[in-house]
Amino acid sequence: MSAGSVIDVIAGALLIMGAGFAFVAAIGVVRFPNLLTRMHAATKPQTFGLLLILAGLALRIESISDLTLVAVVAMFQLLTAPVSAHMVGRASFRAGQVNREELTVDEAD
């Protein structure tokens, strides 16, 4: 097996694993019962799935400018997903959308 075909297999595996994580995140958003668990499903596995997909893509890219763009996309995803989830969580607490009796720890106040 040549080095190119090994890289192709690794890139394909990363793409499939990333798509699997994104699919699991989508199922979690639909199936989980409340806002906080849905936010968890929408941020953590989805972000990891996207990073796996970008890693698989980076293995196949030959242009340094395209590779830089992939790195920028990964950086922005890592910066924006936690911030947006935090802001949605805070807004839901303030709007009374979260049942505080279901929480193990409530540090919002």
PDB file of N, CA and C in Angstrom:
ATOM      1  N   MET A   1       0.841  -1.166   0.000  1.00  0.00           N
ATOM      2  CA  MET A   1       0.000   0.000   0.000  1.00  0.00           C
ATOM      3  C   MET A   1       0.893   1.237   0.000  1.00  0.00           C
ATOM      4  N   SER A   2       0.601   2.182  -0.857  1.00  0.00           N
ATOM      5  CA  SER A   2       1.424   3.387  -0.947  1.00  0.00           C
ATOM      6  C   SER A   2       1.029   4.381   0.146  1.00  0.00           C
ATOM      7  N   ALA A   3       1.886   5.375   0.350  1.00  0.00           N
ATOM      8  CA  ALA A   3       1.640   6.371   1.392  1.00  0.00           C
ATOM      9  C   ALA A   3       0.382   7.179   1.094  1.00  0.00           C
ATOM     10  N   GLY A   4       0.126   7.438  -0.190  1.00  0.00           N
ATOM     11  CA  GLY A   4      -1.079   8.188  -0.568  1.00  0.00           C
ATOM     12  C   GLY A   4      -2.355   7.448  -0.238  1.00  0.00           C
ATOM     13  N   SER A   5      -2.360   6.139  -0.454  1.00  0.00           N
ATOM     14  CA  SER A   5      -3.571   5.385  -0.159  1.00  0.00           C
ATOM     15  C   SER A   5      -3.784   5.225   1.350  1.00  0.00           C
ATOM     16  N   VAL A   6      -2.702   5.170   2.118  1.00  0.00           N
ATOM     17  CA  VAL A   6      -2.844   5.115   3.581  1.00  0.00           C
ATOM     18  C   VAL A   6      -3.451   6.415   4.091  1.00  0.00           C
ATOM     19  N   ILE A   7      -2.989   7.544   3.547  1.00  0.00           N
ATOM     20  CA  ILE A   7      -3.547   8.841   3.937  1.00  0.00           C
ATOM     21  C   ILE A   7      -5.012   8.932   3.531  1.00  0.00           C
ATOM     22  N   ASP A   8      -5.354   8.387   2.365  1.00  0.00           N
ATOM     23  CA  ASP A   8      -6.747   8.375   1.929  1.00  0.00           C
ATOM     24  C   ASP A   8      -7.626   7.581   2.890  1.00  0.00           C
ATOM     25  N   VAL A   9      -7.140   6.441   3.355  1.00  0.00           N
ATOM     26  CA  VAL A   9      -7.910   5.613   4.285  1.00  0.00           C
ATOM     27  C   VAL A   9      -8.085   6.339   5.620  1.00  0.00           C
ATOM     28  N   ILE A  10      -7.027   6.962   6.114  1.00  0.00           N
ATOM     29  CA  ILE A  10      -7.120   7.701   7.380  1.00  0.00           C
ATOM     30  C   ILE A  10      -8.075   8.881   7.238  1.00  0.00           C
ATOM     31  N   ALA A  11      -7.966   9.616   6.133  1.00  0.00           N
ATOM     32  CA  ALA A  11      -8.858  10.754   5.893  1.00  0.00           C
ATOM     33  C   ALA A  11     -10.310  10.289   5.802  1.00  0.00           C
ATOM     34  N   GLY A  12     -10.549   9.190   5.112  1.00  0.00           N
ATOM     35  CA  GLY A  12     -11.907   8.655   5.023  1.00  0.00           C
ATOM     36  C   GLY A  12     -12.453   8.234   6.371  1.00  0.00           C
ATOM     37  N   ALA A  13     -11.599   7.613   7.185  1.00  0.00           N
ATOM     38  CA  ALA A  13     -12.037   7.203   8.529  1.00  0.00           C
ATOM     39  C   ALA A  13     -12.376   8.418   9.383  1.00  0.00           C
ATOM     40  N   LEU A  14     -11.566   9.469   9.292  1.00  0.00           N
ATOM     41  CA  LEU A  14     -11.855  10.691  10.051  1.00  0.00           C
ATOM     42  C   LEU A  14     -13.157  11.338   9.590  1.00  0.00           C
ATOM     43  N   LEU A  15     -13.384  11.349   8.287  1.00  0.00           N
ATOM     44  CA  LEU A  15     -14.624  11.915   7.762  1.00  0.00           C
ATOM     45  C   LEU A  15     -15.841  11.126   8.231  1.00  0.00           C
ATOM     46  N   ILE A  16     -15.757   9.813   8.221  1.00  0.00           N
ATOM     47  CA  ILE A  16     -16.886   8.986   8.655  1.00  0.00           C
ATOM     48  C   ILE A  16     -17.122   9.135  10.156  1.00  0.00           C
ATOM     49  N   MET A  17     -16.042   9.158  10.945  1.00  0.00           N
ATOM     50  CA  MET A  17     -16.209   9.347  12.389  1.00  0.00           C
ATOM     51  C   MET A  17     -16.791  10.724  12.693  1.00  0.00           C
ATOM     52  N   GLY A  18     -16.340  11.751  11.997  1.00  0.00           N
ATOM     53  CA  GLY A  18     -16.876  13.094  12.199  1.00  0.00           C
ATOM     54  C   GLY A  18     -18.346  13.177  11.838  1.00  0.00           C
ATOM     55  N   ALA A  19     -18.720  12.544  10.735  1.00  0.00           N
ATOM     56  CA  ALA A  19     -20.134  12.515  10.353  1.00  0.00           C
ATOM     57  C   ALA A  19     -20.952  11.748  11.382  1.00  0.00           C
ATOM     58  N   GLY A  20     -20.377  10.701  11.954  1.00  0.00           N
ATOM     59  CA  GLY A  20     -21.067   9.939  12.995  1.00  0.00           C
ATOM     60  C   GLY A  20     -21.313  10.778  14.236  1.00  0.00           C
ATOM     61  N   PHE A  21     -20.304  11.545  14.659  1.00  0.00           N
ATOM     62  CA  PHE A  21     -20.495  12.414  15.820  1.00  0.00           C
ATOM     63  C   PHE A  21     -21.539  13.485  15.541  1.00  0.00           C
ATOM     64  N   ALA A  22     -21.529  14.062  14.361  1.00  0.00           N
ATOM     65  CA  ALA A  22     -22.523  15.071  14.010  1.00  0.00           C
ATOM     66  C   ALA A  22     -23.923  14.459  13.977  1.00  0.00           C
ATOM     67  N   PHE A  23     -24.029  13.222  13.503  1.00  0.00           N
ATOM     68  CA  PHE A  23     -25.321  12.536  13.479  1.00  0.00           C
ATOM     69  C   PHE A  23     -25.814  12.256  14.893  1.00  0.00           C
ATOM     70  N   VAL A  24     -24.928  11.815  15.764  1.00  0.00           N
ATOM     71  CA  VAL A  24     -25.306  11.568  17.162  1.00  0.00           C
ATOM     72  C   VAL A  24     -25.744  12.877  17.827  1.00  0.00           C
ATOM     73  N   ALA A  25     -25.064  13.979  17.521  1.00  0.00           N
ATOM     74  CA  ALA A  25     -25.455  15.275  18.068  1.00  0.00           C
ATOM     75  C   ALA A  25     -26.853  15.664  17.597  1.00  0.00           C
ATOM     76  N   ALA A  26     -27.148  15.420  16.332  1.00  0.00           N
ATOM     77  CA  ALA A  26     -28.477  15.744  15.809  1.00  0.00           C
ATOM     78  C   ALA A  26     -29.553  14.902  16.479  1.00  0.00           C
ATOM     79  N   ILE A  27     -29.264  13.626  16.705  1.00  0.00           N
ATOM     80  CA  ILE A  27     -30.225  12.777  17.401  1.00  0.00           C
ATOM     81  C   ILE A  27     -30.437  13.280  18.824  1.00  0.00           C
ATOM     82  N   GLY A  28     -29.350  13.691  19.490  1.00  0.00           N
ATOM     83  CA  GLY A  28     -29.463  14.208  20.847  1.00  0.00           C
ATOM     84  C   GLY A  28     -30.301  15.466  20.926  1.00  0.00           C
ATOM     85  N   VAL A  29     -30.156  16.350  19.950  1.00  0.00           N
ATOM     86  CA  VAL A  29     -30.952  17.577  19.944  1.00  0.00           C
ATOM     87  C   VAL A  29     -32.435  17.246  19.817  1.00  0.00           C
ATOM     88  N   VAL A  30     -32.760  16.245  19.046  1.00  0.00           N
ATOM     89  CA  VAL A  30     -34.164  15.877  18.848  1.00  0.00           C
ATOM     90  C   VAL A  30     -34.714  15.087  20.036  1.00  0.00           C
ATOM     91  N   ARG A  31     -33.911  14.202  20.619  1.00  0.00           N
ATOM     92  CA  ARG A  31     -34.423  13.265  21.616  1.00  0.00           C
ATOM     93  C   ARG A  31     -34.313  13.722  23.067  1.00  0.00           C
ATOM     94  N   PHE A  32     -33.336  14.572  23.394  1.00  0.00           N
ATOM     95  CA  PHE A  32     -33.164  14.948  24.794  1.00  0.00           C
ATOM     96  C   PHE A  32     -34.336  15.781  25.282  1.00  0.00           C
ATOM     97  N   PRO A  33     -34.675  15.664  26.582  1.00  0.00           N
ATOM     98  CA  PRO A  33     -35.935  16.220  27.067  1.00  0.00           C
ATOM     99  C   PRO A  33     -35.927  17.722  27.366  1.00  0.00           C
ATOM    100  N   ASN A  34     -34.796  18.316  27.716  1.00  0.00           N
ATOM    101  CA  ASN A  34     -34.849  19.719  28.119  1.00  0.00           C
ATOM    102  C   ASN A  34     -33.753  20.532  27.449  1.00  0.00           C
ATOM    103  N   LEU A  35     -33.801  21.819  27.692  1.00  0.00           N
ATOM    104  CA  LEU A  35     -32.923  22.753  27.010  1.00  0.00           C
ATOM    105  C   LEU A  35     -31.449  22.501  27.297  1.00  0.00           C
ATOM    106  N   LEU A  36     -31.095  22.268  28.545  1.00  0.00           N
ATOM    107  CA  LEU A  36     -29.683  22.141  28.898  1.00  0.00           C
ATOM    108  C   LEU A  36     -29.052  20.887  28.290  1.00  0.00           C
ATOM    109  N   THR A  37     -29.767  19.782  28.292  1.00  0.00           N
ATOM    110  CA  THR A  37     -29.212  18.579  27.680  1.00  0.00           C
ATOM    111  C   THR A  37     -29.147  18.714  26.161  1.00  0.00           C
ATOM    112  N   ARG A  38     -30.089  19.418  25.585  1.00  0.00           N
ATOM    113  CA  ARG A  38     -30.041  19.670  24.143  1.00  0.00           C
ATOM    114  C   ARG A  38     -28.868  20.570  23.776  1.00  0.00           C
ATOM    115  N   MET A  39     -28.590  21.560  24.627  1.00  0.00           N
ATOM    116  CA  MET A  39     -27.431  22.415  24.376  1.00  0.00           C
ATOM    117  C   MET A  39     -26.141  21.610  24.426  1.00  0.00           C
ATOM    118  N   HIS A  40     -26.057  20.682  25.361  1.00  0.00           N
ATOM    119  CA  HIS A  40     -24.873  19.833  25.453  1.00  0.00           C
ATOM    120  C   HIS A  40     -24.699  19.033  24.168  1.00  0.00           C
ATOM    121  N   ALA A  41     -25.789  18.454  23.685  1.00  0.00           N
ATOM    122  CA  ALA A  41     -25.720  17.667  22.450  1.00  0.00           C
ATOM    123  C   ALA A  41     -25.392  18.539  21.242  1.00  0.00           C
ATOM    124  N   ALA A  42     -25.837  19.780  21.273  1.00  0.00           N
ATOM    125  CA  ALA A  42     -25.611  20.651  20.122  1.00  0.00           C
ATOM    126  C   ALA A  42     -24.195  21.209  20.081  1.00  0.00           C
ATOM    127  N   THR A  43     -23.498  21.222  21.202  1.00  0.00           N
ATOM    128  CA  THR A  43     -22.171  21.848  21.198  1.00  0.00           C
ATOM    129  C   THR A  43     -21.034  20.838  21.248  1.00  0.00           C
ATOM    130  N   LYS A  44     -21.028  19.948  22.185  1.00  0.00           N
ATOM    131  CA  LYS A  44     -19.847  19.104  22.383  1.00  0.00           C
ATOM    132  C   LYS A  44     -19.629  18.076  21.268  1.00  0.00           C
ATOM    133  N   PRO A  45     -20.548  17.139  21.017  1.00  0.00           N
ATOM    134  CA  PRO A  45     -20.252  16.162  19.950  1.00  0.00           C
ATOM    135  C   PRO A  45     -20.260  16.779  18.555  1.00  0.00           C
ATOM    136  N   GLN A  46     -21.056  17.827  18.370  1.00  0.00           N
ATOM    137  CA  GLN A  46     -21.080  18.470  17.058  1.00  0.00           C
ATOM    138  C   GLN A  46     -19.752  19.138  16.773  1.00  0.00           C
ATOM    139  N   THR A  47     -19.183  19.807  17.768  1.00  0.00           N
ATOM    140  CA  THR A  47     -17.887  20.463  17.586  1.00  0.00           C
ATOM    141  C   THR A  47     -16.792  19.435  17.340  1.00  0.00           C
ATOM    142  N   PHE A  48     -16.798  18.354  18.113  1.00  0.00           N
ATOM    143  CA  PHE A  48     -15.796  17.311  17.919  1.00  0.00           C
ATOM    144  C   PHE A  48     -15.951  16.663  16.540  1.00  0.00           C
ATOM    145  N   GLY A  49     -17.192  16.438  16.118  1.00  0.00           N
ATOM    146  CA  GLY A  49     -17.433  15.869  14.790  1.00  0.00           C
ATOM    147  C   GLY A  49     -16.922  16.772  13.687  1.00  0.00           C
ATOM    148  N   LEU A  50     -17.155  18.074  13.825  1.00  0.00           N
ATOM    149  CA  LEU A  50     -16.655  19.006  12.821  1.00  0.00           C
ATOM    150  C   LEU A  50     -15.129  19.023  12.802  1.00  0.00           C
ATOM    151  N   LEU A  51     -14.499  18.956  13.964  1.00  0.00           N
ATOM    152  CA  LEU A  51     -13.038  18.933  14.007  1.00  0.00           C
ATOM    153  C   LEU A  51     -12.481  17.671  13.363  1.00  0.00           C
ATOM    154  N   LEU A  52     -13.152  16.534  13.547  1.00  0.00           N
ATOM    155  CA  LEU A  52     -12.725  15.304  12.877  1.00  0.00           C
ATOM    156  C   LEU A  52     -12.861  15.435  11.361  1.00  0.00           C
ATOM    157  N   ILE A  53     -13.959  16.023  10.913  1.00  0.00           N
ATOM    158  CA  ILE A  53     -14.159  16.224   9.475  1.00  0.00           C
ATOM    159  C   ILE A  53     -13.093  17.163   8.919  1.00  0.00           C
ATOM    160  N   LEU A  54     -12.792  18.227   9.653  1.00  0.00           N
ATOM    161  CA  LEU A  54     -11.758  19.152   9.189  1.00  0.00           C
ATOM    162  C   LEU A  54     -10.381  18.497   9.184  1.00  0.00           C
ATOM    163  N   ALA A  55     -10.117  17.608  10.140  1.00  0.00           N
ATOM    164  CA  ALA A  55      -8.837  16.892  10.150  1.00  0.00           C
ATOM    165  C   ALA A  55      -8.729  15.968   8.944  1.00  0.00           C
ATOM    166  N   GLY A  56      -9.821  15.271   8.621  1.00  0.00           N
ATOM    167  CA  GLY A  56      -9.819  14.425   7.430  1.00  0.00           C
ATOM    168  C   GLY A  56      -9.636  15.234   6.157  1.00  0.00           C
ATOM    169  N   LEU A  57     -10.257  16.396   6.135  1.00  0.00           N
ATOM    170  CA  LEU A  57     -10.104  17.281   4.988  1.00  0.00           C
ATOM    171  C   LEU A  57      -8.672  17.806   4.886  1.00  0.00           C
ATOM    172  N   ALA A  58      -8.083  18.149   6.030  1.00  0.00           N
ATOM    173  CA  ALA A  58      -6.724  18.690   6.039  1.00  0.00           C
ATOM    174  C   ALA A  58      -5.704  17.677   5.510  1.00  0.00           C
ATOM    175  N   LEU A  59      -5.969  16.398   5.717  1.00  0.00           N
ATOM    176  CA  LEU A  59      -5.058  15.380   5.197  1.00  0.00           C
ATOM    177  C   LEU A  59      -5.053  15.335   3.676  1.00  0.00           C
ATOM    178  N   ARG A  60      -6.135  15.727   3.063  1.00  0.00           N
ATOM    179  CA  ARG A  60      -6.258  15.655   1.602  1.00  0.00           C
ATOM    180  C   ARG A  60      -5.903  16.957   0.896  1.00  0.00           C
ATOM    181  N   ILE A  61      -5.817  18.058   1.633  1.00  0.00           N
ATOM    182  CA  ILE A  61      -5.552  19.364   1.023  1.00  0.00           C
ATOM    183  C   ILE A  61      -4.071  19.490   0.695  1.00  0.00           C
ATOM    184  N   GLU A  62      -3.800  20.022  -0.466  1.00  0.00           N
ATOM    185  CA  GLU A  62      -2.418  20.220  -0.893  1.00  0.00           C
ATOM    186  C   GLU A  62      -1.997  21.680  -0.853  1.00  0.00           C
ATOM    187  N   SER A  63      -2.944  22.589  -0.907  1.00  0.00           N
ATOM    188  CA  SER A  63      -2.643  24.019  -0.928  1.00  0.00           C
ATOM    189  C   SER A  63      -2.538  24.557   0.496  1.00  0.00           C
ATOM    190  N   ILE A  64      -1.500  25.332   0.770  1.00  0.00           N
ATOM    191  CA  ILE A  64      -1.303  25.891   2.103  1.00  0.00           C
ATOM    192  C   ILE A  64      -2.358  26.941   2.426  1.00  0.00           C
ATOM    193  N   SER A  65      -2.850  27.657   1.425  1.00  0.00           N
ATOM    194  CA  SER A  65      -3.900  28.651   1.677  1.00  0.00           C
ATOM    195  C   SER A  65      -5.212  27.967   2.064  1.00  0.00           C
ATOM    196  N   ASP A  66      -5.512  26.845   1.434  1.00  0.00           N
ATOM    197  CA  ASP A  66      -6.714  26.099   1.808  1.00  0.00           C
ATOM    198  C   ASP A  66      -6.573  25.488   3.196  1.00  0.00           C
ATOM    199  N   LEU A  67      -5.397  25.019   3.518  1.00  0.00           N
ATOM    200  CA  LEU A  67      -5.145  24.456   4.846  1.00  0.00           C
ATOM    201  C   LEU A  67      -5.279  25.532   5.924  1.00  0.00           C
ATOM    202  N   THR A  68      -4.836  26.740   5.613  1.00  0.00           N
ATOM    203  CA  THR A  68      -4.994  27.856   6.539  1.00  0.00           C
ATOM    204  C   THR A  68      -6.468  28.165   6.767  1.00  0.00           C
ATOM    205  N   LEU A  69      -7.261  28.108   5.719  1.00  0.00           N
ATOM    206  CA  LEU A  69      -8.698  28.339   5.845  1.00  0.00           C
ATOM    207  C   LEU A  69      -9.353  27.277   6.725  1.00  0.00           C
ATOM    208  N   VAL A  70      -8.950  26.028   6.580  1.00  0.00           N
ATOM    209  CA  VAL A  70      -9.477  24.957   7.428  1.00  0.00           C
ATOM    210  C   VAL A  70      -9.113  25.219   8.889  1.00  0.00           C
ATOM    211  N   ALA A  71      -7.893  25.679   9.135  1.00  0.00           N
ATOM    212  CA  ALA A  71      -7.470  25.992  10.504  1.00  0.00           C
ATOM    213  C   ALA A  71      -8.278  27.153  11.080  1.00  0.00           C
ATOM    214  N   VAL A  72      -8.583  28.147  10.267  1.00  0.00           N
ATOM    215  CA  VAL A  72      -9.389  29.278  10.727  1.00  0.00           C
ATOM    216  C   VAL A  72     -10.812  28.822  11.062  1.00  0.00           C
ATOM    217  N   VAL A  73     -11.391  27.971  10.239  1.00  0.00           N
ATOM    218  CA  VAL A  73     -12.722  27.438  10.516  1.00  0.00           C
ATOM    219  C   VAL A  73     -12.726  26.674  11.839  1.00  0.00           C
ATOM    220  N   ALA A  74     -11.714  25.850  12.070  1.00  0.00           N
ATOM    221  CA  ALA A  74     -11.631  25.100  13.323  1.00  0.00           C
ATOM    222  C   ALA A  74     -11.498  26.042  14.512  1.00  0.00           C
ATOM    223  N   MET A  75     -10.681  27.068  14.376  1.00  0.00           N
ATOM    224  CA  MET A  75     -10.493  28.015  15.471  1.00  0.00           C
ATOM    225  C   MET A  75     -11.793  28.751  15.799  1.00  0.00           C
ATOM    226  N   PHE A  76     -12.489  29.226  14.787  1.00  0.00           N
ATOM    227  CA  PHE A  76     -13.738  29.926  15.032  1.00  0.00           C
ATOM    228  C   PHE A  76     -14.797  29.003  15.626  1.00  0.00           C
ATOM    229  N   GLN A  77     -14.831  27.762  15.223  1.00  0.00           N
ATOM    230  CA  GLN A  77     -15.783  26.817  15.800  1.00  0.00           C
ATOM    231  C   GLN A  77     -15.484  26.610  17.282  1.00  0.00           C
ATOM    232  N   LEU A  78     -14.214  26.457  17.616  1.00  0.00           N
ATOM    233  CA  LEU A  78     -13.843  26.252  19.014  1.00  0.00           C
ATOM    234  C   LEU A  78     -14.093  27.496  19.858  1.00  0.00           C
ATOM    235  N   LEU A  79     -14.040  28.663  19.254  1.00  0.00           N
ATOM    236  CA  LEU A  79     -14.285  29.899  19.999  1.00  0.00           C
ATOM    237  C   LEU A  79     -15.763  30.239  20.129  1.00  0.00           C
ATOM    238  N   THR A  80     -16.557  29.950  19.113  1.00  0.00           N
ATOM    239  CA  THR A  80     -17.944  30.409  19.124  1.00  0.00           C
ATOM    240  C   THR A  80     -18.934  29.423  19.723  1.00  0.00           C
ATOM    241  N   ALA A  81     -18.718  28.139  19.595  1.00  0.00           N
ATOM    242  CA  ALA A  81     -19.696  27.170  20.109  1.00  0.00           C
ATOM    243  C   ALA A  81     -19.861  27.255  21.628  1.00  0.00           C
ATOM    244  N   PRO A  82     -18.792  27.282  22.419  1.00  0.00           N
ATOM    245  CA  PRO A  82     -18.995  27.388  23.866  1.00  0.00           C
ATOM    246  C   PRO A  82     -19.621  28.714  24.293  1.00  0.00           C
ATOM    247  N   VAL A  83     -19.238  29.798  23.627  1.00  0.00           N
ATOM    248  CA  VAL A  83     -19.787  31.106  23.979  1.00  0.00           C
ATOM    249  C   VAL A  83     -21.274  31.166  23.671  1.00  0.00           C
ATOM    250  N   SER A  84     -21.668  30.674  22.508  1.00  0.00           N
ATOM    251  CA  SER A  84     -23.090  30.705  22.161  1.00  0.00           C
ATOM    252  C   SER A  84     -23.900  29.798  23.075  1.00  0.00           C
ATOM    253  N   ALA A  85     -23.374  28.636  23.438  1.00  0.00           N
ATOM    254  CA  ALA A  85     -24.085  27.753  24.360  1.00  0.00           C
ATOM    255  C   ALA A  85     -24.227  28.408  25.733  1.00  0.00           C
ATOM    256  N   HIS A  86     -23.191  29.086  26.182  1.00  0.00           N
ATOM    257  CA  HIS A  86     -23.258  29.776  27.463  1.00  0.00           C
ATOM    258  C   HIS A  86     -24.326  30.870  27.438  1.00  0.00           C
ATOM    259  N   MET A  87     -24.367  31.631  26.351  1.00  0.00           N
ATOM    260  CA  MET A  87     -25.343  32.719  26.262  1.00  0.00           C
ATOM    261  C   MET A  87     -26.773  32.185  26.178  1.00  0.00           C
ATOM    262  N   VAL A  88     -26.983  31.099  25.464  1.00  0.00           N
ATOM    263  CA  VAL A  88     -28.315  30.499  25.405  1.00  0.00           C
ATOM    264  C   VAL A  88     -28.709  29.970  26.785  1.00  0.00           C
ATOM    265  N   GLY A  89     -27.750  29.354  27.487  1.00  0.00           N
ATOM    266  CA  GLY A  89     -28.029  28.854  28.838  1.00  0.00           C
ATOM    267  C   GLY A  89     -28.385  29.967  29.799  1.00  0.00           C
ATOM    268  N   ARG A  90     -27.644  31.059  29.761  1.00  0.00           N
ATOM    269  CA  ARG A  90     -27.945  32.202  30.641  1.00  0.00           C
ATOM    270  C   ARG A  90     -29.304  32.791  30.327  1.00  0.00           C
ATOM    271  N   ALA A  91     -29.592  32.949  29.050  1.00  0.00           N
ATOM    272  CA  ALA A  91     -30.886  33.516  28.659  1.00  0.00           C
ATOM    273  C   ALA A  91     -32.027  32.604  29.086  1.00  0.00           C
ATOM    274  N   SER A  92     -31.823  31.297  28.997  1.00  0.00           N
ATOM    275  CA  SER A  92     -32.887  30.382  29.407  1.00  0.00           C
ATOM    276  C   SER A  92     -33.104  30.410  30.918  1.00  0.00           C
ATOM    277  N   PHE A  93     -32.028  30.556  31.695  1.00  0.00           N
ATOM    278  CA  PHE A  93     -32.184  30.697  33.140  1.00  0.00           C
ATOM    279  C   PHE A  93     -32.962  31.958  33.470  1.00  0.00           C
ATOM    280  N   ARG A  94     -32.595  33.049  32.834  1.00  0.00           N
ATOM    281  CA  ARG A  94     -33.260  34.334  33.119  1.00  0.00           C
ATOM    282  C   ARG A  94     -34.715  34.344  32.675  1.00  0.00           C
ATOM    283  N   ALA A  95     -35.023  33.608  31.624  1.00  0.00           N
ATOM    284  CA  ALA A  95     -36.401  33.563  31.125  1.00  0.00           C
ATOM    285  C   ALA A  95     -37.254  32.535  31.857  1.00  0.00           C
ATOM    286  N   GLY A  96     -36.648  31.770  32.757  1.00  0.00           N
ATOM    287  CA  GLY A  96     -37.411  30.780  33.513  1.00  0.00           C
ATOM    288  C   GLY A  96     -37.698  29.509  32.739  1.00  0.00           C
ATOM    289  N   GLN A  97     -36.891  29.193  31.740  1.00  0.00           N
ATOM    290  CA  GLN A  97     -37.102  28.004  30.921  1.00  0.00           C
ATOM    291  C   GLN A  97     -36.480  26.743  31.512  1.00  0.00           C
ATOM    292  N   VAL A  98     -35.680  26.901  32.577  1.00  0.00           N
ATOM    293  CA  VAL A  98     -34.975  25.768  33.169  1.00  0.00           C
ATOM    294  C   VAL A  98     -35.633  25.404  34.492  1.00  0.00           C
ATOM    295  N   ASN A  99     -35.950  24.133  34.665  1.00  0.00           N
ATOM    296  CA  ASN A  99     -36.505  23.625  35.922  1.00  0.00           C
ATOM    297  C   ASN A  99     -35.351  23.424  36.900  1.00  0.00           C
ATOM    298  N   ARG A 100     -35.257  24.283  37.882  1.00  0.00           N
ATOM    299  CA  ARG A 100     -34.117  24.246  38.806  1.00  0.00           C
ATOM    300  C   ARG A 100     -34.127  23.039  39.724  1.00  0.00           C
ATOM    301  N   GLU A 101     -35.258  22.385  39.903  1.00  0.00           N
ATOM    302  CA  GLU A 101     -35.311  21.187  40.744  1.00  0.00           C
ATOM    303  C   GLU A 101     -34.587  20.004  40.096  1.00  0.00           C
ATOM    304  N   GLU A 102     -34.448  20.000  38.786  1.00  0.00           N
ATOM    305  CA  GLU A 102     -33.767  18.912  38.076  1.00  0.00           C
ATOM    306  C   GLU A 102     -32.252  19.052  38.110  1.00  0.00           C
ATOM    307  N   LEU A 103     -31.731  20.191  38.546  1.00  0.00           N
ATOM    308  CA  LEU A 103     -30.298  20.449  38.516  1.00  0.00           C
ATOM    309  C   LEU A 103     -29.599  19.849  39.737  1.00  0.00           C
ATOM    310  N   THR A 104     -28.441  19.290  39.537  1.00  0.00           N
ATOM    311  CA  THR A 104     -27.625  18.805  40.645  1.00  0.00           C
ATOM    312  C   THR A 104     -26.934  19.966  41.330  1.00  0.00           C
ATOM    313  N   VAL A 105     -26.372  20.864  40.539  1.00  0.00           N
ATOM    314  CA  VAL A 105     -25.695  22.061  41.053  1.00  0.00           C
ATOM    315  C   VAL A 105     -26.266  23.257  40.315  1.00  0.00           C
ATOM    316  N   ASP A 106     -26.643  24.291  41.061  1.00  0.00           N
ATOM    317  CA  ASP A 106     -27.172  25.513  40.450  1.00  0.00           C
ATOM    318  C   ASP A 106     -26.263  26.669  40.851  1.00  0.00           C
ATOM    319  N   GLU A 107     -25.364  27.066  39.959  1.00  0.00           N
ATOM    320  CA  GLU A 107     -24.449  28.167  40.235  1.00  0.00           C
ATOM    321  C   GLU A 107     -24.825  29.417  39.459  1.00  0.00           C
ATOM    322  N   ALA A 108     -26.050  29.490  38.987  1.00  0.00           N
ATOM    323  CA  ALA A 108     -26.459  30.607  38.148  1.00  0.00           C
ATOM    324  C   ALA A 108     -26.708  31.867  38.957  1.00  0.00           C
ATOM    325  N   ASP A 109     -27.049  31.748  40.197  1.00  0.00           N
ATOM    326  CA  ASP A 109     -27.331  32.927  41.020  1.00  0.00           C
ATOM    327  C   ASP A 109     -26.115  33.510  41.640  1.00  0.00           C
TER     328      ASP A 109
END
